[in-house]
Structure formats: C-alpha cells, structure tokens
Protein backbone atom coordinates (compact mmCIF):
# COMPACT_ATOMS: atom_id res chain seq x y z
CA MET A 1 6.18 -59.83 11.40
CA PRO A 2 6.30 -57.43 9.18
CA PHE A 3 8.83 -54.36 10.44
CA PHE A 4 6.06 -51.54 11.18
CA ILE A 5 4.23 -53.60 13.68
CA THR A 6 5.61 -52.66 17.08
CA ALA A 7 5.92 -54.37 20.30
CA PRO A 8 3.92 -53.23 23.48
CA GLY A 9 5.64 -50.16 25.16
CA GLU A 10 7.58 -49.49 21.99
CA THR A 11 7.50 -46.15 20.06
CA ASP A 12 5.83 -47.20 16.50
CA VAL A 13 8.58 -45.35 14.52
CA LEU A 14 6.15 -45.64 11.46
CA PHE A 15 3.94 -43.41 13.06
CA VAL A 16 6.14 -40.74 13.62
CA ALA A 17 7.87 -40.11 10.62
CA MET A 18 4.39 -40.81 8.68
CA LEU A 19 3.05 -37.61 11.30
CA VAL A 20 6.29 -35.28 10.35
CA LEU A 21 5.95 -36.48 6.88
CA LEU A 22 1.86 -35.13 6.96
CA LEU A 23 3.44 -32.00 9.10
CA VAL A 24 6.21 -31.44 6.24
CA ILE A 25 3.99 -31.38 3.27
CA VAL A 26 0.74 -29.63 5.36
CA LEU A 27 3.39 -26.83 5.58
CA VAL A 28 5.03 -26.96 2.01
CA LEU A 29 1.71 -26.96 0.51
CA GLY A 30 0.42 -23.87 2.38
CA ASN A 31 3.16 -22.35 1.52
CA LEU A 32 2.67 -22.62 -2.26
CA TYR A 33 -0.63 -21.72 -1.44
CA PHE A 34 0.16 -18.82 -0.29
CA GLN A 35 2.96 -17.83 -2.49
CA LEU A 36 0.71 -18.36 -5.77
CA HIS A 37 -2.26 -16.06 -3.87
CA ALA A 38 0.13 -13.61 -3.67
CA LEU A 39 1.35 -13.62 -7.17
CA PRO A 40 -1.49 -10.74 -8.38
CA ASP A 41 0.42 -8.56 -5.23
CA ARG A 42 3.53 -9.51 -6.50
CA ILE A 43 2.83 -7.76 -10.10
CA ALA A 44 0.98 -4.86 -9.15
CA HIS A 45 3.42 -4.10 -6.53
CA LYS A 46 5.13 -2.36 -9.57
CA SER A 47 2.17 -0.60 -10.26
CA ASN A 48 0.80 2.76 -8.68
CA PRO A 49 -0.12 2.86 -5.37
CA GLY A 50 -3.83 2.97 -5.56
CA GLN A 51 -4.15 -0.30 -8.17
CA MET A 52 -1.59 -1.82 -5.27
CA GLN A 53 -3.84 -1.03 -3.24
CA LEU A 54 -7.75 -2.61 -5.25
CA VAL A 55 -5.54 -5.54 -5.92
CA ALA A 56 -4.88 -6.47 -2.40
CA VAL A 57 -8.13 -5.88 -1.43
CA LEU A 58 -9.56 -8.04 -4.08
CA THR A 59 -6.71 -10.97 -3.19
CA LEU A 60 -7.88 -10.62 0.51
CA ILE A 61 -11.21 -11.20 -0.29
CA ALA A 62 -10.45 -14.10 -2.35
CA LEU A 63 -8.59 -15.73 0.66
CA PHE A 64 -11.39 -15.07 3.06
CA THR A 65 -14.24 -16.11 0.87
CA HIS A 66 -12.41 -19.01 -1.29
CA ASN A 67 -14.31 -17.76 -4.51
CA ASN A 68 -11.76 -17.74 -7.08
CA LEU A 69 -13.40 -14.95 -8.98
CA PHE A 70 -11.95 -12.08 -6.78
CA TRP A 71 -8.63 -13.79 -7.41
CA ILE A 72 -8.66 -13.72 -10.81
CA ALA A 73 -10.34 -10.13 -10.84
CA ALA A 74 -6.66 -9.20 -8.78
CA LEU A 75 -4.61 -11.07 -11.48
CA LEU A 76 -6.36 -9.22 -14.54
CA LEU A 77 -5.86 -5.76 -12.07
CA ALA A 78 -2.58 -6.26 -11.66
CA PHE A 79 -1.71 -6.55 -15.50
CA ILE A 80 -2.92 -3.43 -16.88
CA GLN A 81 -1.36 -0.69 -16.72
CA PHE A 82 -3.34 2.74 -15.35
CA PRO A 83 -1.70 5.47 -15.88
CA ASN A 84 -0.27 7.49 -13.87
CA PHE A 85 -2.17 11.29 -12.81
CA THR A 86 -0.49 11.98 -9.72
CA SER A 87 3.27 13.09 -10.96
CA PRO A 88 1.76 15.18 -13.54
CA MET A 89 -0.04 16.68 -10.49
CA ASN A 90 2.76 16.64 -8.22
CA SER A 91 5.03 18.22 -11.42
CA ILE A 92 2.32 20.86 -11.52
CA ALA A 93 2.22 21.54 -8.08
CA ARG A 94 5.96 22.28 -7.17
CA SER A 95 6.51 24.38 -9.67
CA LEU A 96 3.12 26.37 -9.10
CA GLU A 97 5.27 27.05 -5.62
CA LYS A 98 8.40 27.54 -7.00
CA LEU A 99 6.72 30.67 -9.04
CA THR A 100 4.72 31.83 -6.04
CA ASN A 101 8.10 31.91 -4.00
CA GLY A 102 10.07 34.15 -6.69
CA GLY A 103 11.67 31.45 -8.81
CA GLU A 104 13.27 30.09 -5.68
CA PRO A 105 12.66 26.09 -3.52
CA PRO A 106 10.74 26.56 -0.54
CA SER A 107 13.92 25.26 1.26
CA VAL A 108 15.72 28.39 0.02
CA LEU A 109 13.59 30.98 2.68
CA THR A 110 14.07 31.18 5.96
CA THR A 111 12.48 33.70 6.88
CA PRO A 112 9.15 34.30 6.37
CA ILE A 113 8.38 37.61 4.66
CA GLU A 114 6.65 40.19 7.26
CA ALA A 115 3.70 42.02 6.26
CA LYS A 116 4.23 46.07 6.46
CA PRO A 117 1.41 47.50 8.38
CA SER A 118 -0.38 49.83 5.65
CA PRO A 119 -0.68 53.61 6.33
CA ARG A 120 -4.07 54.78 7.90
CA ARG A 121 -5.58 57.89 6.71
CA ALA A 122 -6.14 60.39 9.66
CA LEU A 123 -10.11 60.26 10.93
CA PRO A 124 -11.96 63.51 11.39
CA GLU A 125 -12.65 64.79 14.73
CA GLY A 126 -16.60 63.93 14.52
CA GLY A 127 -15.59 59.79 13.90
CA PRO A 128 -15.98 58.42 10.67
CA HIS A 129 -19.87 59.75 9.81
CA ASN A 130 -19.09 62.94 9.68
CA ALA A 131 -16.60 62.80 6.92
C-alpha cells in the first residue's frame, strides 16, 4: 500500500501536512498582497499630510472595491511631489506674531498687558443732551 493511505482510526498525516501547508501559503500570500497594496501609502508617507491622506483614501477604496484603477491613481499620486504651501504660511504667521508682541516670542510674555482706563470727560449737569 502507498504511504499516504492510513489505517482506520489512525491520523491522516498527509491531510494534516497539506492543511498546515495550505494555511501557511494563504497567510504568506495574504501578507504579500497587503504589503504590495500598502506600497503607495509607504511612498506617500514622506510627502505632505494632505497628499498622504488622499493616497490613503484611494488605496482603501481600491482595497474594498477591488478596482485597480484607484490603486494605480494612488501610486501615481504618491510619486508626484506637491508643493508645500503650509510651511511658508506658518512661517509668515509666526513672524507676524513676533512683530505684534514687540519682537519677543510669545513664550517670553508671562503676564497679559493690562489696559489702562481712559480718562472720561465730565458731563454737564443736565446730562449728555444739554452739552
């Protein structure tokens, strides 16, 4: 008799080996699929946050719909470097904040500036309408 035929009541070694091999293959292929699917996210991770979020949304849509066009669009967007508009704007805002605080950074100011009461004119005795 061949080795893969088991006696009644014995453990089928070939079946168990094939089951373990099948589970390992499914886990390895699934891991490779998800690693490949996350490739645009990894590439876009170095870019600005808005672009990274757009790429992440496109890859999730591609994952759930199994539509490769979204994945290709995400991959192309990951390779394109968008200009960073937020860094210059943040620098301008910080510079303006320093200028409005008298040239000192905001962390140096410990107490808020108190407003001095303005002197009031004395009203005539009849009230403001008799002036």
